[in-house]
Amino acid sequence: MLVRIVKMSFEPSRIDEFLSNFEANKNKIRNFEGCDFLELYRDQNNTNIFFTYSYWNSEASLENYRHSDLFKSVWAKTKILFNAKPEAWSVNKLASLE
């Protein structure tokens, strides 16, 4: 399993556009083949900063998504709203406690 974390910083006046786009597409992303989990977080102090946190079956599954029409459509509407370059990490989970 691969965990993908993406940090995105938005122009404050464009946050509602981002949230609307995420709401319209979150189920499609979560149900994309190879995606097992999806969450969206918002920074408590810098409220224009958001993170997506997703689980993928493999790096190949994530790459299939990143080359899909769904990703291209969502990303085209998202990237124009940024006020800083997004950052992304693909990580392996080493421990999980509940």
PDB file of N, CA and C in Angstrom:
ATOM      1  N   MET A   1       0.842  -1.187   0.000  1.00  0.00           N
ATOM      2  CA  MET A   1       0.000   0.000   0.000  1.00  0.00           C
ATOM      3  C   MET A   1       0.883   1.245   0.000  1.00  0.00           C
ATOM      4  N   LEU A   2       0.428   2.229  -0.722  1.00  0.00           N
ATOM      5  CA  LEU A   2       1.118   3.508  -0.805  1.00  0.00           C
ATOM      6  C   LEU A   2       0.191   4.577  -0.233  1.00  0.00           C
ATOM      7  N   VAL A   3       0.731   5.460   0.584  1.00  0.00           N
ATOM      8  CA  VAL A   3      -0.029   6.588   1.120  1.00  0.00           C
ATOM      9  C   VAL A   3       0.435   7.836   0.390  1.00  0.00           C
ATOM     10  N   ARG A   4      -0.524   8.600  -0.102  1.00  0.00           N
ATOM     11  CA  ARG A   4      -0.219   9.833  -0.839  1.00  0.00           C
ATOM     12  C   ARG A   4      -0.735  11.018  -0.044  1.00  0.00           C
ATOM     13  N   ILE A   5       0.159  11.961   0.224  1.00  0.00           N
ATOM     14  CA  ILE A   5      -0.187  13.185   0.933  1.00  0.00           C
ATOM     15  C   ILE A   5       0.123  14.350   0.003  1.00  0.00           C
ATOM     16  N   VAL A   6      -0.864  15.208  -0.209  1.00  0.00           N
ATOM     17  CA  VAL A   6      -0.681  16.375  -1.080  1.00  0.00           C
ATOM     18  C   VAL A   6      -1.055  17.616  -0.292  1.00  0.00           C
ATOM     19  N   LYS A   7      -0.131  18.577  -0.250  1.00  0.00           N
ATOM     20  CA  LYS A   7      -0.354  19.857   0.413  1.00  0.00           C
ATOM     21  C   LYS A   7      -0.649  20.906  -0.659  1.00  0.00           C
ATOM     22  N   MET A   8      -1.752  21.627  -0.456  1.00  0.00           N
ATOM     23  CA  MET A   8      -2.171  22.642  -1.420  1.00  0.00           C
ATOM     24  C   MET A   8      -2.498  23.935  -0.686  1.00  0.00           C
ATOM     25  N   SER A   9      -1.992  25.041  -1.199  1.00  0.00           N
ATOM     26  CA  SER A   9      -2.269  26.350  -0.628  1.00  0.00           C
ATOM     27  C   SER A   9      -3.032  27.172  -1.664  1.00  0.00           C
ATOM     28  N   PHE A  10      -4.184  27.691  -1.248  1.00  0.00           N
ATOM     29  CA  PHE A  10      -5.079  28.384  -2.173  1.00  0.00           C
ATOM     30  C   PHE A  10      -5.160  29.876  -1.897  1.00  0.00           C
ATOM     31  N   GLU A  11      -5.419  30.600  -2.949  1.00  0.00           N
ATOM     32  CA  GLU A  11      -5.784  32.004  -2.808  1.00  0.00           C
ATOM     33  C   GLU A  11      -7.048  32.025  -1.945  1.00  0.00           C
ATOM     34  N   PRO A  12      -7.068  32.769  -0.842  1.00  0.00           N
ATOM     35  CA  PRO A  12      -8.232  32.732   0.054  1.00  0.00           C
ATOM     36  C   PRO A  12      -9.573  32.969  -0.637  1.00  0.00           C
ATOM     37  N   SER A  13      -9.604  33.824  -1.622  1.00  0.00           N
ATOM     38  CA  SER A  13     -10.868  34.112  -2.315  1.00  0.00           C
ATOM     39  C   SER A  13     -11.324  32.963  -3.217  1.00  0.00           C
ATOM     40  N   ARG A  14     -10.466  31.940  -3.406  1.00  0.00           N
ATOM     41  CA  ARG A  14     -10.787  30.837  -4.311  1.00  0.00           C
ATOM     42  C   ARG A  14     -11.077  29.523  -3.572  1.00  0.00           C
ATOM     43  N   ILE A  15     -11.070  29.555  -2.251  1.00  0.00           N
ATOM     44  CA  ILE A  15     -11.263  28.338  -1.462  1.00  0.00           C
ATOM     45  C   ILE A  15     -12.617  27.697  -1.735  1.00  0.00           C
ATOM     46  N   ASP A  16     -13.662  28.487  -1.816  1.00  0.00           N
ATOM     47  CA  ASP A  16     -14.985  27.914  -2.078  1.00  0.00           C
ATOM     48  C   ASP A  16     -15.023  27.176  -3.411  1.00  0.00           C
ATOM     49  N   GLU A  17     -14.308  27.679  -4.412  1.00  0.00           N
ATOM     50  CA  GLU A  17     -14.235  26.984  -5.706  1.00  0.00           C
ATOM     51  C   GLU A  17     -13.562  25.626  -5.547  1.00  0.00           C
ATOM     52  N   PHE A  18     -12.472  25.606  -4.783  1.00  0.00           N
ATOM     53  CA  PHE A  18     -11.790  24.337  -4.549  1.00  0.00           C
ATOM     54  C   PHE A  18     -12.709  23.353  -3.830  1.00  0.00           C
ATOM     55  N   LEU A  19     -13.352  23.806  -2.767  1.00  0.00           N
ATOM     56  CA  LEU A  19     -14.223  22.915  -1.994  1.00  0.00           C
ATOM     57  C   LEU A  19     -15.383  22.388  -2.829  1.00  0.00           C
ATOM     58  N   SER A  20     -15.916  23.224  -3.681  1.00  0.00           N
ATOM     59  CA  SER A  20     -17.002  22.801  -4.565  1.00  0.00           C
ATOM     60  C   SER A  20     -16.518  21.729  -5.543  1.00  0.00           C
ATOM     61  N   ASN A  21     -15.349  21.931  -6.121  1.00  0.00           N
ATOM     62  CA  ASN A  21     -14.781  20.969  -7.054  1.00  0.00           C
ATOM     63  C   ASN A  21     -14.461  19.653  -6.340  1.00  0.00           C
ATOM     64  N   PHE A  22     -13.907  19.740  -5.135  1.00  0.00           N
ATOM     65  CA  PHE A  22     -13.611  18.522  -4.371  1.00  0.00           C
ATOM     66  C   PHE A  22     -14.898  17.771  -4.053  1.00  0.00           C
ATOM     67  N   GLU A  23     -15.913  18.498  -3.617  1.00  0.00           N
ATOM     68  CA  GLU A  23     -17.198  17.871  -3.278  1.00  0.00           C
ATOM     69  C   GLU A  23     -17.794  17.152  -4.491  1.00  0.00           C
ATOM     70  N   ALA A  24     -17.691  17.766  -5.652  1.00  0.00           N
ATOM     71  CA  ALA A  24     -18.261  17.186  -6.871  1.00  0.00           C
ATOM     72  C   ALA A  24     -17.508  15.939  -7.329  1.00  0.00           C
ATOM     73  N   ASN A  25     -16.245  15.802  -6.920  1.00  0.00           N
ATOM     74  CA  ASN A  25     -15.414  14.714  -7.451  1.00  0.00           C
ATOM     75  C   ASN A  25     -14.887  13.730  -6.420  1.00  0.00           C
ATOM     76  N   LYS A  26     -15.112  13.967  -5.140  1.00  0.00           N
ATOM     77  CA  LYS A  26     -14.497  13.128  -4.108  1.00  0.00           C
ATOM     78  C   LYS A  26     -14.892  11.659  -4.219  1.00  0.00           C
ATOM     79  N   ASN A  27     -16.139  11.376  -4.534  1.00  0.00           N
ATOM     80  CA  ASN A  27     -16.561   9.980  -4.654  1.00  0.00           C
ATOM     81  C   ASN A  27     -15.964   9.312  -5.893  1.00  0.00           C
ATOM     82  N   LYS A  28     -15.813  10.060  -6.968  1.00  0.00           N
ATOM     83  CA  LYS A  28     -15.184   9.507  -8.171  1.00  0.00           C
ATOM     84  C   LYS A  28     -13.722   9.169  -7.897  1.00  0.00           C
ATOM     85  N   ILE A  29     -13.052  10.065  -7.171  1.00  0.00           N
ATOM     86  CA  ILE A  29     -11.646   9.817  -6.837  1.00  0.00           C
ATOM     87  C   ILE A  29     -11.546   8.599  -5.926  1.00  0.00           C
ATOM     88  N   ARG A  30     -12.345   8.578  -4.875  1.00  0.00           N
ATOM     89  CA  ARG A  30     -12.301   7.470  -3.910  1.00  0.00           C
ATOM     90  C   ARG A  30     -12.640   6.137  -4.566  1.00  0.00           C
ATOM     91  N   ASN A  31     -13.534   6.154  -5.549  1.00  0.00           N
ATOM     92  CA  ASN A  31     -13.942   4.919  -6.214  1.00  0.00           C
ATOM     93  C   ASN A  31     -13.094   4.582  -7.437  1.00  0.00           C
ATOM     94  N   PHE A  32     -12.066   5.387  -7.705  1.00  0.00           N
ATOM     95  CA  PHE A  32     -11.165   5.081  -8.814  1.00  0.00           C
ATOM     96  C   PHE A  32     -10.445   3.778  -8.480  1.00  0.00           C
ATOM     97  N   GLU A  33     -10.286   2.928  -9.472  1.00  0.00           N
ATOM     98  CA  GLU A  33      -9.638   1.632  -9.247  1.00  0.00           C
ATOM     99  C   GLU A  33      -8.265   1.818  -8.613  1.00  0.00           C
ATOM    100  N   GLY A  34      -8.071   1.172  -7.484  1.00  0.00           N
ATOM    101  CA  GLY A  34      -6.796   1.240  -6.786  1.00  0.00           C
ATOM    102  C   GLY A  34      -6.783   2.190  -5.604  1.00  0.00           C
ATOM    103  N   CYS A  35      -7.794   3.053  -5.472  1.00  0.00           N
ATOM    104  CA  CYS A  35      -7.879   3.965  -4.337  1.00  0.00           C
ATOM    105  C   CYS A  35      -8.734   3.320  -3.250  1.00  0.00           C
ATOM    106  N   ASP A  36      -8.152   3.195  -2.050  1.00  0.00           N
ATOM    107  CA  ASP A  36      -8.848   2.539  -0.945  1.00  0.00           C
ATOM    108  C   ASP A  36      -9.313   3.497   0.137  1.00  0.00           C
ATOM    109  N   PHE A  37      -8.886   4.755   0.067  1.00  0.00           N
ATOM    110  CA  PHE A  37      -9.179   5.684   1.163  1.00  0.00           C
ATOM    111  C   PHE A  37      -8.883   7.094   0.689  1.00  0.00           C
ATOM    112  N   LEU A  38      -9.707   8.052   1.115  1.00  0.00           N
ATOM    113  CA  LEU A  38      -9.483   9.451   0.748  1.00  0.00           C
ATOM    114  C   LEU A  38     -10.007  10.344   1.858  1.00  0.00           C
ATOM    115  N   GLU A  39      -9.177  11.297   2.287  1.00  0.00           N
ATOM    116  CA  GLU A  39      -9.597  12.300   3.248  1.00  0.00           C
ATOM    117  C   GLU A  39      -9.068  13.662   2.816  1.00  0.00           C
ATOM    118  N   LEU A  40      -9.774  14.696   3.266  1.00  0.00           N
ATOM    119  CA  LEU A  40      -9.348  16.073   3.038  1.00  0.00           C
ATOM    120  C   LEU A  40      -9.202  16.731   4.397  1.00  0.00           C
ATOM    121  N   TYR A  41      -8.083  17.421   4.609  1.00  0.00           N
ATOM    122  CA  TYR A  41      -7.812  18.135   5.849  1.00  0.00           C
ATOM    123  C   TYR A  41      -7.597  19.613   5.554  1.00  0.00           C
ATOM    124  N   ARG A  42      -7.875  20.433   6.581  1.00  0.00           N
ATOM    125  CA  ARG A  42      -7.653  21.877   6.482  1.00  0.00           C
ATOM    126  C   ARG A  42      -6.817  22.301   7.683  1.00  0.00           C
ATOM    127  N   ASP A  43      -5.766  23.065   7.430  1.00  0.00           N
ATOM    128  CA  ASP A  43      -4.907  23.542   8.497  1.00  0.00           C
ATOM    129  C   ASP A  43      -5.699  24.434   9.456  1.00  0.00           C
ATOM    130  N   GLN A  44      -5.506  24.246  10.755  1.00  0.00           N
ATOM    131  CA  GLN A  44      -6.257  25.013  11.753  1.00  0.00           C
ATOM    132  C   GLN A  44      -5.845  26.474  11.807  1.00  0.00           C
ATOM    133  N   ASN A  45      -4.580  26.757  11.549  1.00  0.00           N
ATOM    134  CA  ASN A  45      -4.081  28.129  11.661  1.00  0.00           C
ATOM    135  C   ASN A  45      -4.029  28.858  10.328  1.00  0.00           C
ATOM    136  N   ASN A  46      -3.596  28.175   9.301  1.00  0.00           N
ATOM    137  CA  ASN A  46      -3.533  28.752   7.949  1.00  0.00           C
ATOM    138  C   ASN A  46      -4.660  28.125   7.138  1.00  0.00           C
ATOM    139  N   THR A  47      -5.826  28.695   7.229  1.00  0.00           N
ATOM    140  CA  THR A  47      -7.032  28.047   6.696  1.00  0.00           C
ATOM    141  C   THR A  47      -7.106  28.020   5.175  1.00  0.00           C
ATOM    142  N   ASN A  48      -6.118  28.561   4.502  1.00  0.00           N
ATOM    143  CA  ASN A  48      -6.070  28.436   3.044  1.00  0.00           C
ATOM    144  C   ASN A  48      -5.202  27.248   2.622  1.00  0.00           C
ATOM    145  N   ILE A  49      -4.677  26.491   3.600  1.00  0.00           N
ATOM    146  CA  ILE A  49      -3.855  25.317   3.314  1.00  0.00           C
ATOM    147  C   ILE A  49      -4.671  24.052   3.577  1.00  0.00           C
ATOM    148  N   PHE A  50      -4.666  23.163   2.576  1.00  0.00           N
ATOM    149  CA  PHE A  50      -5.403  21.906   2.635  1.00  0.00           C
ATOM    150  C   PHE A  50      -4.458  20.757   2.313  1.00  0.00           C
ATOM    151  N   PHE A  51      -4.845  19.570   2.787  1.00  0.00           N
ATOM    152  CA  PHE A  51      -4.091  18.350   2.507  1.00  0.00           C
ATOM    153  C   PHE A  51      -5.064  17.268   2.071  1.00  0.00           C
ATOM    154  N   THR A  52      -4.702  16.530   1.041  1.00  0.00           N
ATOM    155  CA  THR A  52      -5.421  15.294   0.759  1.00  0.00           C
ATOM    156  C   THR A  52      -4.533  14.155   1.236  1.00  0.00           C
ATOM    157  N   TYR A  53      -5.196  13.119   1.720  1.00  0.00           N
ATOM    158  CA  TYR A  53      -4.538  11.957   2.282  1.00  0.00           C
ATOM    159  C   TYR A  53      -5.246  10.759   1.679  1.00  0.00           C
ATOM    160  N   SER A  54      -4.533   9.955   0.913  1.00  0.00           N
ATOM    161  CA  SER A  54      -5.187   8.842   0.227  1.00  0.00           C
ATOM    162  C   SER A  54      -4.321   7.593   0.276  1.00  0.00           C
ATOM    163  N   TYR A  55      -4.996   6.440   0.233  1.00  0.00           N
ATOM    164  CA  TYR A  55      -4.329   5.140   0.186  1.00  0.00           C
ATOM    165  C   TYR A  55      -4.507   4.570  -1.218  1.00  0.00           C
ATOM    166  N   TRP A  56      -3.436   4.057  -1.773  1.00  0.00           N
ATOM    167  CA  TRP A  56      -3.449   3.445  -3.101  1.00  0.00           C
ATOM    168  C   TRP A  56      -2.881   2.038  -3.002  1.00  0.00           C
ATOM    169  N   ASN A  57      -3.437   1.125  -3.786  1.00  0.00           N
ATOM    170  CA  ASN A  57      -2.964  -0.268  -3.787  1.00  0.00           C
ATOM    171  C   ASN A  57      -1.495  -0.375  -4.143  1.00  0.00           C
ATOM    172  N   SER A  58      -1.059   0.502  -5.050  1.00  0.00           N
ATOM    173  CA  SER A  58       0.325   0.446  -5.518  1.00  0.00           C
ATOM    174  C   SER A  58       0.672   1.768  -6.197  1.00  0.00           C
ATOM    175  N   GLU A  59       1.946   1.945  -6.464  1.00  0.00           N
ATOM    176  CA  GLU A  59       2.382   3.124  -7.210  1.00  0.00           C
ATOM    177  C   GLU A  59       1.765   3.128  -8.605  1.00  0.00           C
ATOM    178  N   ALA A  60       1.607   1.950  -9.190  1.00  0.00           N
ATOM    179  CA  ALA A  60       0.986   1.845 -10.517  1.00  0.00           C
ATOM    180  C   ALA A  60      -0.463   2.333 -10.484  1.00  0.00           C
ATOM    181  N   SER A  61      -1.186   2.014  -9.416  1.00  0.00           N
ATOM    182  CA  SER A  61      -2.578   2.487  -9.281  1.00  0.00           C
ATOM    183  C   SER A  61      -2.624   4.008  -9.213  1.00  0.00           C
ATOM    184  N   LEU A  62      -1.726   4.601  -8.427  1.00  0.00           N
ATOM    185  CA  LEU A  62      -1.665   6.058  -8.336  1.00  0.00           C
ATOM    186  C   LEU A  62      -1.314   6.663  -9.690  1.00  0.00           C
ATOM    187  N   GLU A  63      -0.368   6.077 -10.388  1.00  0.00           N
ATOM    188  CA  GLU A  63       0.025   6.592 -11.705  1.00  0.00           C
ATOM    189  C   GLU A  63      -1.123   6.471 -12.706  1.00  0.00           C
ATOM    190  N   ASN A  64      -1.880   5.388 -12.640  1.00  0.00           N
ATOM    191  CA  ASN A  64      -3.050   5.255 -13.521  1.00  0.00           C
ATOM    192  C   ASN A  64      -4.032   6.387 -13.261  1.00  0.00           C
ATOM    193  N   TYR A  65      -4.249   6.706 -11.995  1.00  0.00           N
ATOM    194  CA  TYR A  65      -5.131   7.826 -11.655  1.00  0.00           C
ATOM    195  C   TYR A  65      -4.558   9.140 -12.167  1.00  0.00           C
ATOM    196  N   ARG A  66      -3.267   9.363 -11.950  1.00  0.00           N
ATOM    197  CA  ARG A  66      -2.646  10.637 -12.350  1.00  0.00           C
ATOM    198  C   ARG A  66      -2.645  10.839 -13.870  1.00  0.00           C
ATOM    199  N   HIS A  67      -2.810   9.759 -14.631  1.00  0.00           N
ATOM    200  CA  HIS A  67      -2.876   9.867 -16.091  1.00  0.00           C
ATOM    201  C   HIS A  67      -4.312   9.733 -16.618  1.00  0.00           C
ATOM    202  N   SER A  68      -5.274   9.698 -15.723  1.00  0.00           N
ATOM    203  CA  SER A  68      -6.675   9.507 -16.122  1.00  0.00           C
ATOM    204  C   SER A  68      -7.339  10.823 -16.506  1.00  0.00           C
ATOM    205  N   ASP A  69      -8.431  10.710 -17.245  1.00  0.00           N
ATOM    206  CA  ASP A  69      -9.229  11.893 -17.584  1.00  0.00           C
ATOM    207  C   ASP A  69      -9.807  12.538 -16.331  1.00  0.00           C
ATOM    208  N   LEU A  70     -10.151  11.724 -15.327  1.00  0.00           N
ATOM    209  CA  LEU A  70     -10.682  12.268 -14.076  1.00  0.00           C
ATOM    210  C   LEU A  70      -9.655  13.194 -13.427  1.00  0.00           C
ATOM    211  N   PHE A  71      -8.429  12.717 -13.260  1.00  0.00           N
ATOM    212  CA  PHE A  71      -7.400  13.553 -12.640  1.00  0.00           C
ATOM    213  C   PHE A  71      -7.166  14.815 -13.456  1.00  0.00           C
ATOM    214  N   LYS A  72      -7.039  14.660 -14.760  1.00  0.00           N
ATOM    215  CA  LYS A  72      -6.777  15.824 -15.608  1.00  0.00           C
ATOM    216  C   LYS A  72      -7.870  16.871 -15.466  1.00  0.00           C
ATOM    217  N   SER A  73      -9.100  16.441 -15.378  1.00  0.00           N
ATOM    218  CA  SER A  73     -10.235  17.353 -15.220  1.00  0.00           C
ATOM    219  C   SER A  73     -10.209  18.048 -13.860  1.00  0.00           C
ATOM    220  N   VAL A  74     -10.021  17.268 -12.796  1.00  0.00           N
ATOM    221  CA  VAL A  74      -9.997  17.825 -11.436  1.00  0.00           C
ATOM    222  C   VAL A  74      -8.804  18.757 -11.279  1.00  0.00           C
ATOM    223  N   TRP A  75      -7.648  18.337 -11.738  1.00  0.00           N
ATOM    224  CA  TRP A  75      -6.428  19.123 -11.553  1.00  0.00           C
ATOM    225  C   TRP A  75      -6.479  20.418 -12.353  1.00  0.00           C
ATOM    226  N   ALA A  76      -7.065  20.391 -13.532  1.00  0.00           N
ATOM    227  CA  ALA A  76      -7.168  21.609 -14.343  1.00  0.00           C
ATOM    228  C   ALA A  76      -7.960  22.693 -13.603  1.00  0.00           C
ATOM    229  N   LYS A  77      -8.990  22.282 -12.874  1.00  0.00           N
ATOM    230  CA  LYS A  77      -9.809  23.241 -12.123  1.00  0.00           C
ATOM    231  C   LYS A  77      -9.173  23.623 -10.794  1.00  0.00           C
ATOM    232  N   THR A  78      -8.277  22.788 -10.300  1.00  0.00           N
ATOM    233  CA  THR A  78      -7.656  23.023  -8.994  1.00  0.00           C
ATOM    234  C   THR A  78      -6.416  23.890  -9.101  1.00  0.00           C
ATOM    235  N   LYS A  79      -5.541  23.599 -10.046  1.00  0.00           N
ATOM    236  CA  LYS A  79      -4.231  24.261 -10.085  1.00  0.00           C
ATOM    237  C   LYS A  79      -4.322  25.763 -10.338  1.00  0.00           C
ATOM    238  N   ILE A  80      -5.387  26.233 -10.946  1.00  0.00           N
ATOM    239  CA  ILE A  80      -5.527  27.676 -11.198  1.00  0.00           C
ATOM    240  C   ILE A  80      -5.907  28.448  -9.936  1.00  0.00           C
ATOM    241  N   LEU A  81      -6.210  27.725  -8.858  1.00  0.00           N
ATOM    242  CA  LEU A  81      -6.637  28.347  -7.603  1.00  0.00           C
ATOM    243  C   LEU A  81      -5.497  28.504  -6.601  1.00  0.00           C
ATOM    244  N   PHE A  82      -4.337  27.916  -6.878  1.00  0.00           N
ATOM    245  CA  PHE A  82      -3.211  27.924  -5.946  1.00  0.00           C
ATOM    246  C   PHE A  82      -2.590  29.309  -5.786  1.00  0.00           C
ATOM    247  N   ASN A  83      -2.050  29.546  -4.583  1.00  0.00           N
ATOM    248  CA  ASN A  83      -1.215  30.732  -4.386  1.00  0.00           C
ATOM    249  C   ASN A  83       0.217  30.336  -4.023  1.00  0.00           C
ATOM    250  N   ALA A  84       0.498  29.042  -4.067  1.00  0.00           N
ATOM    251  CA  ALA A  84       1.843  28.506  -3.856  1.00  0.00           C
ATOM    252  C   ALA A  84       1.919  27.154  -4.552  1.00  0.00           C
ATOM    253  N   LYS A  85       3.131  26.740  -4.838  1.00  0.00           N
ATOM    254  CA  LYS A  85       3.326  25.454  -5.513  1.00  0.00           C
ATOM    255  C   LYS A  85       2.886  24.312  -4.598  1.00  0.00           C
ATOM    256  N   PRO A  86       2.076  23.381  -5.104  1.00  0.00           N
ATOM    257  CA  PRO A  86       1.676  22.243  -4.274  1.00  0.00           C
ATOM    258  C   PRO A  86       2.869  21.329  -4.003  1.00  0.00           C
ATOM    259  N   GLU A  87       2.768  20.584  -2.918  1.00  0.00           N
ATOM    260  CA  GLU A  87       3.788  19.606  -2.559  1.00  0.00           C
ATOM    261  C   GLU A  87       3.110  18.255  -2.399  1.00  0.00           C
ATOM    262  N   ALA A  88       3.812  17.192  -2.771  1.00  0.00           N
ATOM    263  CA  ALA A  88       3.228  15.852  -2.673  1.00  0.00           C
ATOM    264  C   ALA A  88       4.287  14.859  -2.212  1.00  0.00           C
ATOM    265  N   TRP A  89       3.825  13.911  -1.408  1.00  0.00           N
ATOM    266  CA  TRP A  89       4.680  12.849  -0.908  1.00  0.00           C
ATOM    267  C   TRP A  89       3.977  11.516  -1.089  1.00  0.00           C
ATOM    268  N   SER A  90       4.723  10.526  -1.526  1.00  0.00           N
ATOM    269  CA  SER A  90       4.270   9.141  -1.533  1.00  0.00           C
ATOM    270  C   SER A  90       5.068   8.441  -0.451  1.00  0.00           C
ATOM    271  N   VAL A  91       4.363   7.885   0.537  1.00  0.00           N
ATOM    272  CA  VAL A  91       5.040   7.311   1.700  1.00  0.00           C
ATOM    273  C   VAL A  91       4.530   5.906   1.986  1.00  0.00           C
ATOM    274  N   ASN A  92       5.295   5.152   2.717  1.00  0.00           N
ATOM    275  CA  ASN A  92       4.893   3.830   3.178  1.00  0.00           C
ATOM    276  C   ASN A  92       4.535   3.932   4.650  1.00  0.00           C
ATOM    277  N   LYS A  93       3.398   3.368   5.024  1.00  0.00           N
ATOM    278  CA  LYS A  93       2.972   3.364   6.417  1.00  0.00           C
ATOM    279  C   LYS A  93       3.818   2.353   7.188  1.00  0.00           C
ATOM    280  N   LEU A  94       4.417   2.821   8.269  1.00  0.00           N
ATOM    281  CA  LEU A  94       5.232   1.944   9.101  1.00  0.00           C
ATOM    282  C   LEU A  94       4.519   1.494  10.357  1.00  0.00           C
ATOM    283  N   ALA A  95       3.602   2.307  10.854  1.00  0.00           N
ATOM    284  CA  ALA A  95       2.868   1.944  12.062  1.00  0.00           C
ATOM    285  C   ALA A  95       1.535   2.681  12.055  1.00  0.00           C
ATOM    286  N   SER A  96       0.528   2.060  12.647  1.00  0.00           N
ATOM    287  CA  SER A  96      -0.783   2.665  12.779  1.00  0.00           C
ATOM    288  C   SER A  96      -1.403   2.189  14.085  1.00  0.00           C
ATOM    289  N   LEU A  97      -1.785   3.139  14.940  1.00  0.00           N
ATOM    290  CA  LEU A  97      -2.370   2.809  16.229  1.00  0.00           C
ATOM    291  C   LEU A  97      -3.760   3.408  16.322  1.00  0.00           C
ATOM    292  N   GLU A  98      -4.690   2.677  16.871  1.00  0.00           N
ATOM    293  CA  GLU A  98      -6.058   3.191  17.045  1.00  0.00           C
ATOM    294  C   GLU A  98      -6.476   3.037  18.486  1.00  0.00           C
TER     295      GLU A  98
END
